[in-house]
Amino acid sequence: MLTYIQEALAGQGHKAAMTSLDILEKLQEDLRNLQNKEKLNDYQNRLIEERYDFELLEVGFEIKSILLVGKKNTITKLKFEYKGKEIPVIMPPGYNEYFDAQERIEHFMQQLLGEKGYKCKATPMLPNKLLAARSGFAKYGRNNIVYIDGMGSFCQVYLFYTDIPVEEHPLSEELIMKRCATCGACIKACPTGAIMKDRFLLDCKRCLTFLNENGGYPFPAWVDPKIHHALYGCYRCQEICPANREQLMNPVEEVLFSEEETKILLEGESIDTFPDRLKNEIKRLNIEEYLSVVPRNLNAIFNQS
């Protein structure tokens, strides 16, 4: 059955794996160990306590396995016309269709599995990166991002409960790419020092991704204004990573925002007031979810020019 799924998804550039439900107990143990042995900040503890839910969902069928789908992501290069210049701004891999992709894949899988008499349902409440690593589907990089063979870190892992029976298999004990032990490129490239030499778990509150995605306040005074480069998120540890060398050769989408559209975005108004072309682009690129932080982040980039 897995081969049937993998062949169907390969046509869309995706990869797939399956694992049994016994992995859930191991994931809970992993998270407890993190809380007991690592100095987690309040955000990390809240993530574990509030975001993850290991209780099986009521999905209308007997859950027997977990399907992992790895979707290949791309970079989007945005250009904003501002005061007579075209200023490039990166949208790191995955943001451009993060929310839409799960729905599309779920719909595709439900049709595909339905032809064989099986069912599936998306489960966003599990730690997808940790599950992917424990199952052997992916490996962590030193930057705490997961890597899939053939995709590098330009990927997103989506999880689905299914009623497909699978046999238990040994869980992976090697969670981190071997090359990370002697590399250190991402540690040197991290603009905020969030990736540390003496600890694998990064300091997420120093990570530019965390800072870029949380609005309502200025950037901390210790943040060097010269490091801003992305509409949100951060790209530095991925672009320097040797494991992404092939991915950096992939085509990218380029999107230009006019001077007037840039002005509207900087004003921070509701998307309902946007002209149709701008509104459509914002929704197509999934920027709407982070629209509240766009004025602050763009200003930080423009102030360097």
Protein backbone atom coordinates (compact mmCIF):
# COMPACT_ATOMS: atom_id res chain seq x y z
CA MET A 1 0.00 0.00 0.00
CA LEU A 2 2.83 2.37 0.82
CA THR A 3 4.39 1.85 -2.62
CA TYR A 4 1.04 2.73 -4.20
CA ILE A 5 0.94 5.97 -2.16
CA GLN A 6 4.57 6.85 -2.86
CA GLU A 7 4.15 6.39 -6.61
CA ALA A 8 1.02 8.54 -6.67
CA LEU A 9 2.65 11.34 -4.64
CA ALA A 10 5.90 11.23 -6.62
CA GLY A 11 4.03 12.69 -9.57
CA GLN A 12 3.48 15.82 -7.49
CA GLY A 13 7.07 15.94 -6.26
CA HIS A 14 6.14 14.66 -2.78
CA LYS A 15 7.52 11.79 -0.71
CA ALA A 16 5.75 9.53 1.76
CA ALA A 17 6.31 7.09 4.60
CA MET A 18 4.15 5.33 7.16
CA THR A 19 4.64 4.46 10.79
CA SER A 20 2.68 2.61 13.44
CA LEU A 21 0.96 4.22 16.40
CA ASP A 22 3.58 2.97 18.86
CA ILE A 23 5.71 5.94 17.85
CA LEU A 24 3.40 8.22 19.84
CA GLU A 25 4.57 6.82 23.16
CA LYS A 26 8.19 7.42 22.17
CA LEU A 27 7.45 11.00 21.12
CA GLN A 28 5.87 11.74 24.49
CA GLU A 29 8.94 10.30 26.21
CA ASP A 30 11.18 12.49 24.03
CA LEU A 31 9.25 15.61 24.99
CA ARG A 32 9.28 14.73 28.70
CA ASN A 33 13.05 14.28 28.50
CA LEU A 34 13.38 17.70 26.89
CA GLN A 35 11.41 19.30 29.68
CA ASN A 36 13.37 17.47 32.38
CA LYS A 37 16.90 17.79 30.99
CA GLU A 38 16.90 21.01 28.98
CA LYS A 39 16.36 24.55 30.15
CA LEU A 40 13.27 25.31 28.10
CA ASN A 41 11.90 28.83 28.00
CA ASP A 42 8.23 29.61 28.61
CA TYR A 43 7.40 29.54 24.89
CA GLN A 44 8.93 26.08 24.40
CA ASN A 45 7.15 24.68 27.45
CA ARG A 46 3.85 26.18 26.32
CA LEU A 47 4.34 24.65 22.89
CA ILE A 48 4.73 21.19 24.40
CA GLU A 49 1.89 21.56 26.88
CA GLU A 50 -0.68 23.32 24.72
CA ARG A 51 0.01 22.67 21.06
CA TYR A 52 0.65 18.94 20.99
CA ASP A 53 -2.13 16.45 21.63
CA PHE A 54 -1.46 12.72 21.55
CA GLU A 55 -5.05 11.64 22.13
CA LEU A 56 -6.36 9.95 18.99
CA LEU A 57 -8.90 12.12 17.23
CA GLU A 58 -12.50 11.13 16.62
CA VAL A 59 -12.21 10.79 12.87
CA GLY A 60 -14.97 8.32 11.98
CA PHE A 61 -12.68 5.35 11.42
CA GLU A 62 -10.30 3.15 13.42
CA ILE A 63 -6.88 4.78 13.40
CA LYS A 64 -4.18 2.21 12.71
CA SER A 65 -1.22 4.18 11.36
CA ILE A 66 0.26 7.57 10.58
CA LEU A 67 1.05 8.67 7.04
CA LEU A 68 3.87 11.18 6.60
CA VAL A 69 3.94 13.29 3.45
CA GLY A 70 6.99 15.39 2.63
CA LYS A 71 6.17 18.29 0.33
CA LYS A 72 8.95 19.99 -1.59
CA ASN A 73 9.04 23.74 -0.93
CA THR A 74 10.40 26.62 -2.97
CA ILE A 75 11.81 30.06 -2.28
CA THR A 76 9.82 33.13 -3.28
CA LYS A 77 11.74 36.30 -4.10
CA LEU A 78 9.66 39.38 -3.52
CA LYS A 79 10.55 42.78 -4.91
CA PHE A 80 9.08 45.94 -3.47
CA GLU A 81 9.20 49.25 -5.30
CA TYR A 82 10.07 51.83 -2.66
CA LYS A 83 11.22 55.41 -3.19
CA GLY A 84 12.29 54.70 -6.75
CA LYS A 85 14.15 51.47 -5.94
CA GLU A 86 13.34 47.77 -6.27
CA ILE A 87 14.22 46.22 -2.92
CA PRO A 88 14.53 42.40 -2.80
CA VAL A 89 12.95 40.58 0.13
CA ILE A 90 13.07 36.81 0.66
CA MET A 91 10.13 34.61 1.58
CA PRO A 92 11.83 31.47 2.92
CA PRO A 93 10.81 28.00 1.68
CA GLY A 94 7.33 26.84 2.60
CA TYR A 95 5.62 30.05 3.62
CA ASN A 96 4.03 30.69 0.24
CA GLU A 97 1.64 27.74 0.52
CA TYR A 98 2.00 26.45 4.04
CA PHE A 99 -1.69 26.56 4.94
CA ASP A 100 -3.15 25.58 1.57
CA ALA A 101 -0.88 22.60 0.97
CA GLN A 102 -2.22 20.46 3.80
CA GLU A 103 -5.80 20.82 2.57
CA ARG A 104 -4.80 19.97 -1.00
CA ILE A 105 -2.77 16.93 0.06
CA GLU A 106 -5.51 15.74 2.41
CA HIS A 107 -8.11 15.98 -0.35
CA PHE A 108 -5.82 14.13 -2.77
CA MET A 109 -5.05 11.40 -0.24
CA GLN A 110 -8.69 10.90 0.69
CA GLN A 111 -9.55 10.33 -2.95
CA LEU A 112 -6.51 8.12 -3.55
CA LEU A 113 -7.03 5.94 -0.48
CA GLY A 114 -10.79 5.88 -0.97
CA GLU A 115 -10.25 4.01 -4.23
CA LYS A 116 -8.66 1.23 -2.15
CA GLY A 117 -11.25 1.33 0.63
CA TYR A 118 -9.13 3.26 3.14
CA LYS A 119 -9.52 6.63 4.87
CA CYS A 120 -7.26 9.37 6.21
CA LYS A 121 -7.52 12.58 8.21
CA ALA A 122 -4.98 15.34 8.81
CA THR A 123 -3.59 15.55 12.34
CA PRO A 124 -1.89 18.92 12.96
CA MET A 125 -1.54 18.39 16.73
CA LEU A 126 1.49 16.09 16.65
CA PRO A 127 5.16 17.23 16.64
CA ASN A 128 5.71 16.68 12.92
CA LYS A 129 9.48 17.28 12.86
CA LEU A 130 10.18 14.97 15.77
CA LEU A 131 7.86 12.30 14.40
CA ALA A 132 9.53 12.51 10.99
CA ALA A 133 12.97 12.09 12.56
CA ARG A 134 11.95 9.27 14.92
CA SER A 135 10.32 7.37 12.06
CA GLY A 136 13.46 7.68 9.93
CA PHE A 137 11.66 9.73 7.28
CA ALA A 138 13.83 12.79 7.95
CA LYS A 139 16.86 13.96 9.92
CA TYR A 140 17.35 17.10 11.97
CA GLY A 141 19.94 19.63 10.93
CA ARG A 142 22.00 21.53 13.48
CA ASN A 143 19.59 24.42 12.91
CA ASN A 144 16.70 22.32 14.34
CA ILE A 145 15.04 22.12 10.90
CA VAL A 146 14.34 18.70 9.38
CA TYR A 147 15.87 17.49 6.12
CA ILE A 148 14.45 14.91 3.72
CA ASP A 149 16.67 13.18 1.16
CA GLY A 150 16.27 14.92 -2.19
CA MET A 151 14.56 17.94 -0.63
CA GLY A 152 17.05 19.19 1.93
CA SER A 153 15.34 21.51 4.39
CA PHE A 154 13.19 22.93 1.60
CA CYS A 155 10.35 20.69 2.74
CA GLN A 156 7.30 20.53 4.94
CA VAL A 157 6.07 17.38 6.68
CA TYR A 158 2.32 16.82 6.92
CA LEU A 159 0.80 14.06 9.05
CA PHE A 160 -2.37 12.06 8.50
CA TYR A 161 -4.07 9.38 10.56
CA THR A 162 -5.14 6.41 8.43
CA ASP A 163 -6.88 3.07 8.86
CA ILE A 164 -4.16 1.26 6.91
CA PRO A 165 -2.62 -1.50 9.05
CA VAL A 166 1.18 -1.40 9.28
CA GLU A 167 3.67 -3.47 11.21
CA GLU A 168 5.70 -1.94 14.01
CA HIS A 169 9.26 -1.17 12.99
CA PRO A 170 12.35 -0.03 14.91
CA LEU A 171 12.38 3.70 15.53
CA SER A 172 15.39 5.72 14.49
CA GLU A 173 17.92 6.60 17.19
CA GLU A 174 19.99 8.76 14.82
CA LEU A 175 17.96 11.95 14.66
CA ILE A 176 20.62 14.38 13.44
CA MET A 177 22.48 14.41 10.10
CA LYS A 178 26.00 13.03 10.57
CA ARG A 179 27.55 15.87 8.58
CA CYS A 180 26.35 18.36 11.20
CA ALA A 181 28.90 17.03 13.71
CA THR A 182 31.80 18.59 11.79
CA CYS A 183 30.16 21.42 9.86
CA GLY A 184 29.05 24.37 11.98
CA ALA A 185 28.12 26.56 9.00
CA CYS A 186 24.69 27.41 10.37
CA ILE A 187 26.13 28.29 13.79
CA LYS A 188 28.41 30.86 12.15
CA ALA A 189 25.68 32.15 9.84
CA CYS A 190 22.94 32.58 12.46
CA PRO A 191 22.51 36.37 12.70
CA THR A 192 21.25 36.35 16.28
CA GLY A 193 23.30 33.57 17.89
CA ALA A 194 20.22 31.40 18.37
CA ILE A 195 22.12 28.27 17.23
CA MET A 196 24.63 27.41 19.92
CA LYS A 197 27.78 25.25 19.95
CA ASP A 198 27.15 23.68 23.34
CA ARG A 199 23.47 22.78 22.94
CA PHE A 200 21.43 21.24 20.13
CA LEU A 201 18.11 22.86 20.99
CA LEU A 202 18.29 26.43 19.73
CA ASP A 203 17.27 29.49 21.71
CA CYS A 204 14.01 30.12 19.87
CA LYS A 205 13.41 33.52 21.44
CA ARG A 206 16.65 34.76 19.86
CA CYS A 207 15.80 33.23 16.50
CA LEU A 208 14.98 35.82 13.85
CA THR A 209 12.07 33.64 12.72
CA PHE A 210 10.46 33.98 16.14
CA LEU A 211 11.12 37.71 16.23
CA ASN A 212 9.84 38.24 12.68
CA GLU A 213 6.61 36.37 13.22
CA ASN A 214 5.59 38.03 16.48
CA GLY A 215 4.33 41.57 16.14
CA GLY A 216 2.95 44.25 18.42
CA TYR A 217 6.29 45.57 19.63
CA PRO A 218 9.58 46.88 18.17
CA PHE A 219 12.47 44.53 17.59
CA PRO A 220 14.65 44.16 20.72
CA ALA A 221 17.46 46.69 20.95
CA TRP A 222 20.12 43.95 20.72
CA VAL A 223 18.97 42.95 17.20
CA ASP A 224 21.39 44.32 14.59
CA PRO A 225 19.27 46.26 12.06
CA LYS A 226 21.48 44.98 9.23
CA ILE A 227 20.33 41.38 9.61
CA HIS A 228 16.78 41.86 8.32
CA HIS A 229 16.27 40.18 4.94
CA ALA A 230 12.99 38.23 5.01
CA LEU A 231 9.35 39.29 4.99
CA TYR A 232 9.06 36.93 7.97
CA GLY A 233 11.00 33.90 9.06
CA CYS A 234 14.73 33.69 8.38
CA TYR A 235 16.77 32.11 5.60
CA ARG A 236 20.40 32.43 6.68
CA CYS A 237 20.94 28.94 8.15
CA GLN A 238 19.29 27.28 5.15
CA GLU A 239 21.08 29.14 2.39
CA ILE A 240 24.51 28.41 3.91
CA CYS A 241 23.81 24.72 4.62
CA PRO A 242 25.81 22.29 2.42
CA ALA A 243 22.88 19.85 2.51
CA ASN A 244 20.83 22.42 0.57
CA ARG A 245 23.33 22.97 -2.23
CA GLU A 246 21.16 21.25 -4.84
CA GLN A 247 17.98 22.90 -3.60
CA LEU A 248 19.47 26.35 -4.12
CA MET A 249 19.60 25.57 -7.84
CA ASN A 250 15.83 25.09 -8.07
CA PRO A 251 13.71 27.70 -9.88
CA VAL A 252 12.20 30.42 -7.70
CA GLU A 253 9.08 32.51 -8.11
CA GLU A 254 9.59 36.27 -8.33
CA VAL A 255 6.77 38.64 -7.40
CA LEU A 256 6.87 42.42 -7.81
CA PHE A 257 4.85 44.84 -5.70
CA SER A 258 4.41 48.32 -7.12
CA GLU A 259 5.20 51.54 -5.29
CA GLU A 260 1.52 52.05 -4.53
CA GLU A 261 1.08 48.47 -3.30
CA THR A 262 4.15 48.79 -1.09
CA LYS A 263 2.75 52.01 0.39
CA ILE A 264 -0.53 50.24 1.21
CA LEU A 265 1.29 47.37 2.94
CA LEU A 266 3.35 49.78 5.02
CA GLU A 267 0.21 51.53 6.22
CA GLY A 268 -0.98 48.32 7.89
CA GLU A 269 -4.61 48.62 6.85
CA SER A 270 -7.09 45.74 6.71
CA ILE A 271 -6.83 43.47 3.67
CA ASP A 272 -10.48 44.29 2.96
CA THR A 273 -9.38 47.77 1.86
CA PHE A 274 -6.75 46.48 -0.60
CA PRO A 275 -7.24 46.79 -4.37
CA ASP A 276 -8.11 43.47 -6.00
CA ARG A 277 -4.69 42.70 -7.47
CA LEU A 278 -2.88 43.24 -4.17
CA LYS A 279 -5.52 41.38 -2.19
CA ASN A 280 -5.29 38.38 -4.52
CA GLU A 281 -1.49 38.24 -4.32
CA ILE A 282 -1.47 38.51 -0.54
CA LYS A 283 -3.92 35.61 -0.29
CA ARG A 284 -2.21 33.53 -2.97
CA LEU A 285 1.14 33.83 -1.20
CA ASN A 286 -0.38 33.17 2.24
CA ILE A 287 0.88 36.51 3.53
CA GLU A 288 -2.48 37.31 5.11
CA GLU A 289 -1.66 35.17 8.17
CA TYR A 290 1.32 37.42 8.99
CA LEU A 291 -0.04 40.69 7.63
CA SER A 292 0.12 42.41 11.03
CA VAL A 293 3.93 42.15 11.15
CA VAL A 294 4.57 43.06 7.50
CA PRO A 295 4.80 46.87 8.02
CA ARG A 296 7.35 46.51 10.85
CA ASN A 297 9.42 43.91 8.98
CA LEU A 298 9.41 45.80 5.68
CA ASN A 299 10.43 49.03 7.39
CA ALA A 300 13.35 47.24 9.03
CA ILE A 301 14.56 46.10 5.58
CA PHE A 302 13.88 49.41 3.84
CA ASN A 303 15.77 51.34 6.50
CA GLN A 304 18.96 49.57 5.38
CA SER A 305 18.63 50.95 1.83
